[in-house]
C-alpha atoms as a PDB file:
ATOM      1  CA  UNK A   1      11.268  35.132  -1.753  1.00  0.00           C
ATOM      2  CA  UNK A   2      14.163  35.468   0.667  1.00  0.00           C
ATOM      3  CA  UNK A   3      16.850  32.866   0.052  1.00  0.00           C
ATOM      4  CA  UNK A   4      19.777  32.256   2.342  1.00  0.00           C
ATOM      5  CA  UNK A   5      23.089  31.287   0.819  1.00  0.00           C
ATOM      6  CA  UNK A   6      24.768  28.422   2.659  1.00  0.00           C
ATOM      7  CA  UNK A   7      28.501  27.947   2.811  1.00  0.00           C
ATOM      8  CA  UNK A   8      29.776  24.439   2.225  1.00  0.00           C
ATOM      9  CA  UNK A   9      32.869  22.883   3.684  1.00  0.00           C
ATOM     10  CA  UNK A  10      35.112  22.494   0.658  1.00  0.00           C
ATOM     11  CA  UNK A  11      37.611  20.531   2.719  1.00  0.00           C
ATOM     12  CA  UNK A  12      35.383  17.459   2.393  1.00  0.00           C
ATOM     13  CA  UNK A  13      36.433  15.185  -0.419  1.00  0.00           C
ATOM     14  CA  UNK A  14      33.933  13.771  -2.882  1.00  0.00           C
ATOM     15  CA  UNK A  15      34.439  10.423  -1.232  1.00  0.00           C
ATOM     16  CA  UNK A  16      33.469  11.818   2.182  1.00  0.00           C
ATOM     17  CA  UNK A  17      30.389  13.515   0.717  1.00  0.00           C
ATOM     18  CA  UNK A  18      29.337  10.308  -1.003  1.00  0.00           C
ATOM     19  CA  UNK A  19      29.749   8.327   2.211  1.00  0.00           C
ATOM     20  CA  UNK A  20      27.652  10.883   4.101  1.00  0.00           C
ATOM     21  CA  UNK A  21      24.910  10.719   1.468  1.00  0.00           C
ATOM     22  CA  UNK A  22      24.964   6.936   1.527  1.00  0.00           C
ATOM     23  CA  UNK A  23      24.591   6.914   5.317  1.00  0.00           C
ATOM     24  CA  UNK A  24      21.675   9.342   5.177  1.00  0.00           C
ATOM     25  CA  UNK A  25      19.946   7.374   2.420  1.00  0.00           C
ATOM     26  CA  UNK A  26      20.415   4.178   4.419  1.00  0.00           C
ATOM     27  CA  UNK A  27      18.946   5.889   7.492  1.00  0.00           C
ATOM     28  CA  UNK A  28      15.956   7.087   5.442  1.00  0.00           C
ATOM     29  CA  UNK A  29      15.492   3.546   4.131  1.00  0.00           C
ATOM     30  CA  UNK A  30      15.529   2.137   7.677  1.00  0.00           C
ATOM     31  CA  UNK A  31      12.953   4.695   8.828  1.00  0.00           C
ATOM     32  CA  UNK A  32      10.676   3.904   5.895  1.00  0.00           C
ATOM     33  CA  UNK A  33      10.936   0.147   6.418  1.00  0.00           C
ATOM     34  CA  UNK A  34      10.111   0.500  10.106  1.00  0.00           C
ATOM     35  CA  UNK A  35       7.047   2.567   9.250  1.00  0.00           C
ATOM     36  CA  UNK A  36       5.904   0.031   6.660  1.00  0.00           C
ATOM     37  CA  UNK A  37       6.818  -3.071   8.626  1.00  0.00           C
ATOM     38  CA  UNK A  38       5.340  -2.251  12.009  1.00  0.00           C
ATOM     39  CA  UNK A  39       3.240  -4.665  14.032  1.00  0.00           C
ATOM     40  CA  UNK A  40       0.365  -6.207  12.102  1.00  0.00           C
ATOM     41  CA  UNK A  41      -3.162  -6.649  13.482  1.00  0.00           C
ATOM     42  CA  UNK A  42      -3.611 -10.006  15.180  1.00  0.00           C
ATOM     43  CA  UNK A  43      -6.787 -11.588  13.897  1.00  0.00           C
ATOM     44  CA  UNK A  44      -8.329 -14.698  15.399  1.00  0.00           C
ATOM     45  CA  UNK A  45      -9.598 -17.030  12.671  1.00  0.00           C
ATOM     46  CA  UNK A  46      -8.021 -14.800  10.065  1.00  0.00           C
ATOM     47  CA  UNK A  47      -4.836 -13.099   8.905  1.00  0.00           C
ATOM     48  CA  UNK A  48      -3.813  -9.736   7.523  1.00  0.00           C
ATOM     49  CA  UNK A  49      -0.392  -8.747   6.287  1.00  0.00           C
ATOM     50  CA  UNK A  50       1.482  -6.471   3.920  1.00  0.00           C
ATOM     51  CA  UNK A  51       4.850  -6.276   2.198  1.00  0.00           C
ATOM     52  CA  UNK A  52       6.606  -3.648   0.103  1.00  0.00           C
ATOM     53  CA  UNK A  53       9.720  -4.136  -2.046  1.00  0.00           C
ATOM     54  CA  UNK A  54      11.109  -0.818  -3.332  1.00  0.00           C
ATOM     55  CA  UNK A  55      12.650  -0.607  -6.798  1.00  0.00           C
ATOM     56  CA  UNK A  56      15.371   1.612  -5.331  1.00  0.00           C
ATOM     57  CA  UNK A  57      16.739   1.888  -1.812  1.00  0.00           C
ATOM     58  CA  UNK A  58      13.717   4.027  -0.970  1.00  0.00           C
ATOM     59  CA  UNK A  59      10.226   3.607  -2.449  1.00  0.00           C
ATOM     60  CA  UNK A  60       7.046   5.566  -2.988  1.00  0.00           C
ATOM     61  CA  UNK A  61       4.522   2.788  -2.333  1.00  0.00           C
ATOM     62  CA  UNK A  62       2.623   2.781   0.924  1.00  0.00           C
ATOM     63  CA  UNK A  63       0.354   0.523   2.952  1.00  0.00           C
ATOM     64  CA  UNK A  64      -0.986   0.810   6.466  1.00  0.00           C
ATOM     65  CA  UNK A  65      -3.492  -0.570   8.963  1.00  0.00           C
ATOM     66  CA  UNK A  66      -5.542   1.362  11.517  1.00  0.00           C
ATOM     67  CA  UNK A  67      -7.744  -0.220  14.170  1.00  0.00           C
ATOM     68  CA  UNK A  68     -10.843   1.880  14.879  1.00  0.00           C
ATOM     69  CA  UNK A  69     -12.467   2.155  18.323  1.00  0.00           C
ATOM     70  CA  UNK A  70     -15.529   0.272  17.027  1.00  0.00           C
ATOM     71  CA  UNK A  71     -13.400  -2.783  16.251  1.00  0.00           C
ATOM     72  CA  UNK A  72     -13.275  -2.275  12.497  1.00  0.00           C
ATOM     73  CA  UNK A  73      -9.942  -2.394  10.704  1.00  0.00           C
ATOM     74  CA  UNK A  74      -9.095   0.262   8.133  1.00  0.00           C
ATOM     75  CA  UNK A  75      -6.636  -0.739   5.386  1.00  0.00           C
ATOM     76  CA  UNK A  76      -4.904   1.541   2.905  1.00  0.00           C
ATOM     77  CA  UNK A  77      -2.539   0.980  -0.004  1.00  0.00           C
ATOM     78  CA  UNK A  78      -1.116   3.693  -2.221  1.00  0.00           C
ATOM     79  CA  UNK A  79       1.331   4.545  -4.967  1.00  0.00           C
ATOM     80  CA  UNK A  80       3.049   7.944  -5.138  1.00  0.00           C
ATOM     81  CA  UNK A  81       3.961   9.238  -8.569  1.00  0.00           C
ATOM     82  CA  UNK A  82       7.712   8.993  -9.003  1.00  0.00           C
ATOM     83  CA  UNK A  83      10.471   7.037  -7.307  1.00  0.00           C
ATOM     84  CA  UNK A  84      13.297   7.411  -4.839  1.00  0.00           C
ATOM     85  CA  UNK A  85      13.637  10.053  -2.128  1.00  0.00           C
ATOM     86  CA  UNK A  86      11.011  12.543  -3.478  1.00  0.00           C
ATOM     87  CA  UNK A  87       8.372   9.795  -3.632  1.00  0.00           C
ATOM     88  CA  UNK A  88       9.359   8.537  -0.186  1.00  0.00           C
ATOM     89  CA  UNK A  89       8.873  12.010   1.291  1.00  0.00           C
ATOM     90  CA  UNK A  90       5.375  12.172  -0.206  1.00  0.00           C
ATOM     91  CA  UNK A  91       4.702   8.679   1.096  1.00  0.00           C
ATOM     92  CA  UNK A  92       5.393   9.891   4.648  1.00  0.00           C
ATOM     93  CA  UNK A  93       2.972  12.811   4.104  1.00  0.00           C
ATOM     94  CA  UNK A  94       0.355  10.347   2.844  1.00  0.00           C
ATOM     95  CA  UNK A  95       0.823   8.158   5.908  1.00  0.00           C
ATOM     96  CA  UNK A  96       0.289  11.111   8.222  1.00  0.00           C
ATOM     97  CA  UNK A  97      -2.838  12.171   6.332  1.00  0.00           C
ATOM     98  CA  UNK A  98      -4.263   8.634   6.530  1.00  0.00           C
ATOM     99  CA  UNK A  99      -3.624   8.324  10.267  1.00  0.00           C
ATOM    100  CA  UNK A 100      -5.146  11.719  10.967  1.00  0.00           C
ATOM    101  CA  UNK A 101      -8.170  11.134   8.717  1.00  0.00           C
ATOM    102  CA  UNK A 102      -8.860   7.679  10.167  1.00  0.00           C
ATOM    103  CA  UNK A 103      -9.346   9.184  13.615  1.00  0.00           C
ATOM    104  CA  UNK A 104     -12.037  11.603  12.467  1.00  0.00           C
ATOM    105  CA  UNK A 105     -13.910   9.962   9.574  1.00  0.00           C
ATOM    106  CA  UNK A 106     -16.685   7.360   9.438  1.00  0.00           C
ATOM    107  CA  UNK A 107     -15.654   5.297   6.425  1.00  0.00           C
ATOM    108  CA  UNK A 108     -13.170   4.833   3.554  1.00  0.00           C
ATOM    109  CA  UNK A 109     -14.914   7.424   1.362  1.00  0.00           C
ATOM    110  CA  UNK A 110     -14.705  10.119   4.010  1.00  0.00           C
ATOM    111  CA  UNK A 111     -11.123   9.102   4.745  1.00  0.00           C
ATOM    112  CA  UNK A 112     -10.050   9.640   1.126  1.00  0.00           C
ATOM    113  CA  UNK A 113     -11.938  12.944   0.984  1.00  0.00           C
ATOM    114  CA  UNK A 114     -10.125  14.170   4.103  1.00  0.00           C
ATOM    115  CA  UNK A 115      -6.763  12.926   2.815  1.00  0.00           C
ATOM    116  CA  UNK A 116      -7.222  14.757  -0.476  1.00  0.00           C
ATOM    117  CA  UNK A 117      -8.062  18.007   1.327  1.00  0.00           C
ATOM    118  CA  UNK A 118      -4.970  17.636   3.517  1.00  0.00           C
ATOM    119  CA  UNK A 119      -2.595  16.759   0.672  1.00  0.00           C
ATOM    120  CA  UNK A 120      -3.969  18.637  -2.319  1.00  0.00           C
ATOM    121  CA  UNK A 121      -2.005  21.886  -1.982  1.00  0.00           C
ATOM    122  CA  UNK A 122       1.314  20.131  -1.389  1.00  0.00           C
ATOM    123  CA  UNK A 123       0.769  17.646  -4.211  1.00  0.00           C
ATOM    124  CA  UNK A 124      -0.179  20.417  -6.662  1.00  0.00           C
ATOM    125  CA  UNK A 125       2.832  22.495  -5.615  1.00  0.00           C
ATOM    126  CA  UNK A 126       5.075  19.517  -6.307  1.00  0.00           C
ATOM    127  CA  UNK A 127       3.263  18.488  -9.490  1.00  0.00           C
ATOM    128  CA  UNK A 128       2.568  15.034  -8.087  1.00  0.00           C
ATOM    129  CA  UNK A 129      -0.337  12.786  -7.123  1.00  0.00           C
ATOM    130  CA  UNK A 130      -1.073   9.616  -5.169  1.00  0.00           C
ATOM    131  CA  UNK A 131      -3.344   6.721  -6.102  1.00  0.00           C
ATOM    132  CA  UNK A 132      -4.967   5.147  -3.044  1.00  0.00           C
ATOM    133  CA  UNK A 133      -7.352   2.320  -2.247  1.00  0.00           C
ATOM    134  CA  UNK A 134      -8.878   2.571   1.237  1.00  0.00           C
ATOM    135  CA  UNK A 135     -10.907  -0.280   2.729  1.00  0.00           C
ATOM    136  CA  UNK A 136     -12.577  -1.095   6.023  1.00  0.00           C
ATOM    137  CA  UNK A 137     -13.055  -4.617   7.341  1.00  0.00           C
ATOM    138  CA  UNK A 138     -15.969  -5.208   9.736  1.00  0.00           C
ATOM    139  CA  UNK A 139     -15.533  -8.564  11.535  1.00  0.00           C
ATOM    140  CA  UNK A 140     -19.064  -8.416  12.941  1.00  0.00           C
ATOM    141  CA  UNK A 141     -20.791  -8.361   9.553  1.00  0.00           C
ATOM    142  CA  UNK A 142     -17.977  -9.920   7.451  1.00  0.00           C
ATOM    143  CA  UNK A 143     -18.182  -6.854   5.217  1.00  0.00           C
ATOM    144  CA  UNK A 144     -15.354  -5.173   3.336  1.00  0.00           C
ATOM    145  CA  UNK A 145     -16.212  -1.564   2.430  1.00  0.00           C
ATOM    146  CA  UNK A 146     -13.887   0.265   0.060  1.00  0.00           C
ATOM    147  CA  UNK A 147     -13.322   3.564  -1.743  1.00  0.00           C
ATOM    148  CA  UNK A 148     -10.955   4.287  -4.583  1.00  0.00           C
ATOM    149  CA  UNK A 149      -8.745   7.226  -5.561  1.00  0.00           C
ATOM    150  CA  UNK A 150      -7.448   6.157  -8.947  1.00  0.00           C
ATOM    151  CA  UNK A 151      -6.047   2.847  -7.713  1.00  0.00           C
ATOM    152  CA  UNK A 152      -6.528  -0.785  -8.748  1.00  0.00           C
ATOM    153  CA  UNK A 153      -9.411  -2.574  -7.027  1.00  0.00           C
ATOM    154  CA  UNK A 154      -8.572  -5.590  -4.850  1.00  0.00           C
ATOM    155  CA  UNK A 155      -8.651  -9.120  -6.213  1.00  0.00           C
ATOM    156  CA  UNK A 156     -10.980 -11.436  -4.281  1.00  0.00           C
ATOM    157  CA  UNK A 157     -10.657 -15.234  -4.327  1.00  0.00           C
ATOM    158  CA  UNK A 158     -13.554 -17.150  -2.768  1.00  0.00           C
ATOM    159  CA  UNK A 159     -13.299 -20.284  -0.630  1.00  0.00           C
ATOM    160  CA  UNK A 160     -13.741 -22.577  -3.634  1.00  0.00           C
ATOM    161  CA  UNK A 161     -10.808 -20.960  -5.416  1.00  0.00           C
ATOM    162  CA  UNK A 162     -12.999 -19.018  -7.828  1.00  0.00           C
ATOM    163  CA  UNK A 163     -12.208 -15.443  -8.785  1.00  0.00           C
ATOM    164  CA  UNK A 164     -14.938 -13.059  -7.659  1.00  0.00           C
ATOM    165  CA  UNK A 165     -15.732  -9.922  -9.596  1.00  0.00           C
ATOM    166  CA  UNK A 166     -16.347  -7.107  -7.148  1.00  0.00           C
ATOM    167  CA  UNK A 167     -18.482  -3.987  -7.690  1.00  0.00           C
ATOM    168  CA  UNK A 168     -16.469  -1.154  -9.200  1.00  0.00           C
ATOM    169  CA  UNK A 169     -16.052   2.217  -7.558  1.00  0.00           C
ATOM    170  CA  UNK A 170     -14.160   5.093  -9.150  1.00  0.00           C
ATOM    171  CA  UNK A 171     -12.514   8.197  -7.782  1.00  0.00           C
ATOM    172  CA  UNK A 172      -9.937  10.801  -8.771  1.00  0.00           C
ATOM    173  CA  UNK A 173      -6.380  10.289  -7.518  1.00  0.00           C
ATOM    174  CA  UNK A 174      -5.328  12.365  -4.515  1.00  0.00           C
ATOM    175  CA  UNK A 175      -4.066  15.712  -5.734  1.00  0.00           C
ATOM    176  CA  UNK A 176      -6.259  15.577  -8.839  1.00  0.00           C
ATOM    177  CA  UNK A 177      -9.154  17.860  -7.848  1.00  0.00           C
ATOM    178  CA  UNK A 178      -9.431  20.052  -4.738  1.00  0.00           C
ATOM    179  CA  UNK A 179     -13.005  19.147  -3.750  1.00  0.00           C
ATOM    180  CA  UNK A 180     -13.188  15.470  -4.702  1.00  0.00           C
ATOM    181  CA  UNK A 181     -15.783  13.345  -2.950  1.00  0.00           C
ATOM    182  CA  UNK A 182     -15.228   9.582  -2.838  1.00  0.00           C
ATOM    183  CA  UNK A 183     -18.010   7.018  -3.040  1.00  0.00           C
ATOM    184  CA  UNK A 184     -17.994   3.593  -1.399  1.00  0.00           C
ATOM    185  CA  UNK A 185     -18.956   0.070  -2.308  1.00  0.00           C
ATOM    186  CA  UNK A 186     -18.987  -3.107  -0.222  1.00  0.00           C
ATOM    187  CA  UNK A 187     -18.763  -6.888  -0.486  1.00  0.00           C
ATOM    188  CA  UNK A 188     -19.297  -9.793   1.891  1.00  0.00           C
ATOM    189  CA  UNK A 189     -16.265 -12.009   2.489  1.00  0.00           C
ATOM    190  CA  UNK A 190     -17.062 -15.600   3.420  1.00  0.00           C
ATOM    191  CA  UNK A 191     -14.866 -18.086   5.239  1.00  0.00           C
ATOM    192  CA  UNK A 192     -11.555 -18.850   3.525  1.00  0.00           C
ATOM    193  CA  UNK A 193     -11.924 -15.845   1.203  1.00  0.00           C
ATOM    194  CA  UNK A 194      -8.866 -13.822   0.242  1.00  0.00           C
ATOM    195  CA  UNK A 195      -8.829 -10.088  -0.501  1.00  0.00           C
ATOM    196  CA  UNK A 196      -5.620  -9.051  -2.246  1.00  0.00           C
ATOM    197  CA  UNK A 197      -4.621  -5.382  -2.560  1.00  0.00           C
ATOM    198  CA  UNK A 198      -1.675  -4.442  -4.778  1.00  0.00           C
ATOM    199  CA  UNK A 199       0.207  -1.738  -6.667  1.00  0.00           C
ATOM    200  CA  UNK A 200       0.905  -1.804 -10.401  1.00  0.00           C
ATOM    201  CA  UNK A 201       4.576  -2.607  -9.871  1.00  0.00           C
ATOM    202  CA  UNK A 202       3.379  -6.230  -9.789  1.00  0.00           C
ATOM    203  CA  UNK A 203       1.230  -6.351 -12.920  1.00  0.00           C
ATOM    204  CA  UNK A 204       3.648  -4.136 -14.881  1.00  0.00           C
ATOM    205  CA  UNK A 205       6.813  -6.104 -14.060  1.00  0.00           C
ATOM    206  CA  UNK A 206       8.552  -7.086 -17.314  1.00  0.00           C
ATOM    207  CA  UNK A 207      10.704 -10.011 -18.459  1.00  0.00           C
ATOM    208  CA  UNK A 208      13.640 -10.138 -20.875  1.00  0.00           C
ATOM    209  CA  UNK A 209      11.280 -10.062 -23.859  1.00  0.00           C
ATOM    210  CA  UNK A 210       9.548  -6.923 -22.602  1.00  0.00           C
ATOM    211  CA  UNK A 211       6.333  -8.785 -21.749  1.00  0.00           C
ATOM    212  CA  UNK A 212       4.429  -7.602 -18.672  1.00  0.00           C
ATOM    213  CA  UNK A 213       3.299  -9.887 -15.863  1.00  0.00           C
ATOM    214  CA  UNK A 214      -0.250  -8.536 -16.208  1.00  0.00           C
ATOM    215  CA  UNK A 215      -3.427  -9.126 -14.241  1.00  0.00           C
ATOM    216  CA  UNK A 216      -4.125 -12.606 -15.642  1.00  0.00           C
ATOM    217  CA  UNK A 217      -0.854 -14.072 -14.347  1.00  0.00           C
ATOM    218  CA  UNK A 218      -1.387 -12.473 -10.944  1.00  0.00           C
ATOM    219  CA  UNK A 219      -4.895 -13.888 -10.712  1.00  0.00           C
ATOM    220  CA  UNK A 220      -3.672 -17.350 -11.710  1.00  0.00           C
ATOM    221  CA  UNK A 221      -0.957 -17.201  -9.043  1.00  0.00           C
ATOM    222  CA  UNK A 222      -3.442 -16.196  -6.352  1.00  0.00           C
ATOM    223  CA  UNK A 223      -5.883 -18.926  -7.360  1.00  0.00           C
ATOM    224  CA  UNK A 224      -3.058 -21.460  -7.163  1.00  0.00           C
ATOM    225  CA  UNK A 225      -1.881 -20.424  -3.694  1.00  0.00           C
ATOM    226  CA  UNK A 226      -4.920 -18.802  -2.030  1.00  0.00           C
ATOM    227  CA  UNK A 227      -5.337 -21.672   0.464  1.00  0.00           C
ATOM    228  CA  UNK A 228      -1.945 -20.960   2.071  1.00  0.00           C
ATOM    229  CA  UNK A 229      -1.263 -18.571   4.939  1.00  0.00           C
ATOM    230  CA  UNK A 230      -0.864 -14.928   3.991  1.00  0.00           C
ATOM    231  CA  UNK A 231       2.918 -14.844   4.398  1.00  0.00           C
ATOM    232  CA  UNK A 232       3.193 -17.935   2.183  1.00  0.00           C
ATOM    233  CA  UNK A 233       0.967 -16.310  -0.444  1.00  0.00           C
ATOM    234  CA  UNK A 234       3.196 -13.220  -0.355  1.00  0.00           C
ATOM    235  CA  UNK A 235       6.285 -15.370  -0.850  1.00  0.00           C
ATOM    236  CA  UNK A 236       4.599 -17.288  -3.675  1.00  0.00           C
ATOM    237  CA  UNK A 237       3.714 -14.086  -5.549  1.00  0.00           C
ATOM    238  CA  UNK A 238       7.244 -12.716  -5.146  1.00  0.00           C
ATOM    239  CA  UNK A 239       8.714 -16.022  -6.342  1.00  0.00           C
ATOM    240  CA  UNK A 240       6.349 -16.091  -9.328  1.00  0.00           C
ATOM    241  CA  UNK A 241       7.478 -12.570 -10.227  1.00  0.00           C
ATOM    242  CA  UNK A 242      11.140 -13.569  -9.907  1.00  0.00           C
ATOM    243  CA  UNK A 243      10.580 -16.598 -12.133  1.00  0.00           C
ATOM    244  CA  UNK A 244       8.802 -14.466 -14.722  1.00  0.00           C
ATOM    245  CA  UNK A 245      11.267 -11.548 -14.832  1.00  0.00           C
ATOM    246  CA  UNK A 246      14.340 -13.840 -14.858  1.00  0.00           C
ATOM    247  CA  UNK A 247      16.648 -11.292 -13.287  1.00  0.00           C
ATOM    248  CA  UNK A 248      15.413  -8.195 -15.147  1.00  0.00           C
ATOM    249  CA  UNK A 249      15.957  -5.258 -12.741  1.00  0.00           C
ATOM    250  CA  UNK A 250      12.838  -4.136 -10.909  1.00  0.00           C
ATOM    251  CA  UNK A 251      11.578  -0.833 -12.366  1.00  0.00           C
ATOM    252  CA  UNK A 252       8.752  -0.026  -9.964  1.00  0.00           C
ATOM    253  CA  UNK A 253       7.928  -0.619  -6.310  1.00  0.00           C
ATOM    254  CA  UNK A 254       6.086  -3.852  -5.526  1.00  0.00           C
ATOM    255  CA  UNK A 255       3.536  -3.700  -2.715  1.00  0.00           C
ATOM    256  CA  UNK A 256       0.721  -5.978  -1.591  1.00  0.00           C
ATOM    257  CA  UNK A 257      -1.712  -6.320   1.317  1.00  0.00           C
ATOM    258  CA  UNK A 258      -3.581  -9.553   2.049  1.00  0.00           C
ATOM    259  CA  UNK A 259      -6.705 -10.114   4.139  1.00  0.00           C
ATOM    260  CA  UNK A 260      -7.531 -13.808   4.590  1.00  0.00           C
ATOM    261  CA  UNK A 261     -10.697 -14.948   6.388  1.00  0.00           C
ATOM    262  CA  UNK A 262     -10.370 -18.363   8.061  1.00  0.00           C
ATOM    263  CA  UNK A 263     -12.794 -20.763   9.736  1.00  0.00           C
ATOM    264  CA  UNK A 264     -14.969 -19.304  12.435  1.00  0.00           C
ATOM    265  CA  UNK A 265     -15.849 -15.728  13.333  1.00  0.00           C
ATOM    266  CA  UNK A 266     -13.120 -13.215  12.667  1.00  0.00           C
ATOM    267  CA  UNK A 267     -12.202 -11.184  15.734  1.00  0.00           C
ATOM    268  CA  UNK A 268      -9.539  -8.480  15.796  1.00  0.00           C
ATOM    269  CA  UNK A 269      -8.097  -9.143  19.243  1.00  0.00           C
ATOM    270  CA  UNK A 270      -5.098  -6.846  19.545  1.00  0.00           C
ATOM    271  CA  UNK A 271      -3.173  -4.346  17.524  1.00  0.00           C
ATOM    272  CA  UNK A 272      -0.196  -2.054  17.855  1.00  0.00           C
ATOM    273  CA  UNK A 273       0.023   0.763  15.292  1.00  0.00           C
ATOM    274  CA  UNK A 274       3.058   0.648  12.949  1.00  0.00           C
ATOM    275  CA  UNK A 275       5.423   3.117  14.638  1.00  0.00           C
ATOM    276  CA  UNK A 276       9.146   3.529  14.982  1.00  0.00           C
ATOM    277  CA  UNK A 277      10.665   1.102  17.475  1.00  0.00           C
END
């Protein structure tokens, strides 16, 4: 392979180089946050939202929303192996694959299949993989259809505050096998139900004693606060994590997506895709 040797300006001091790197990392962080924190779908009689808190300046977690021409809303959440700038670069590739696949596929299973085909070669070349949960919300039938590529299934809290066990669906992580096909499953979400998507940075957060937050604590927190608005539930989960970890540095990215169905028929009225402002 032909390799070009680059000459570096040795007149730059280490301090100048460090400042340049810090500026570029900050710029990359701003780009990533704008991609993740774009406009959210506006849902009448319902709410959807997402938040991501990187363990470093730049993270490898990813979530996104995509409004389909038929009025359905596609939701994705993912976790790239690794941390920092390499994971963030793969996160951007994953975002592009999701956007492209959503335009040409009929459901979450086909979307994951198309994403794996698009990403497989690059992920194998880099020795990495991505776990992804892709879902599709249909406001006409109140149905949430989902497919799984090695990710945690969503937690669903029903309108009486009870935890609902949802049908399992398994699939190989993206980058695992070149010809993976992803199956789907579906559930009905009634009024006041909450569907909570998350990455394992939440359940694997540790305190000073080395104990993990775990699924049970997360479920208890959601049951306690499920009746609030989605942004308040997000804040409650983050606060519960802070109280549990007691200042222990965050080791992994923390990401969550919430879909809350309120009184009346849910209608996705308007949506602007998350893009750079």
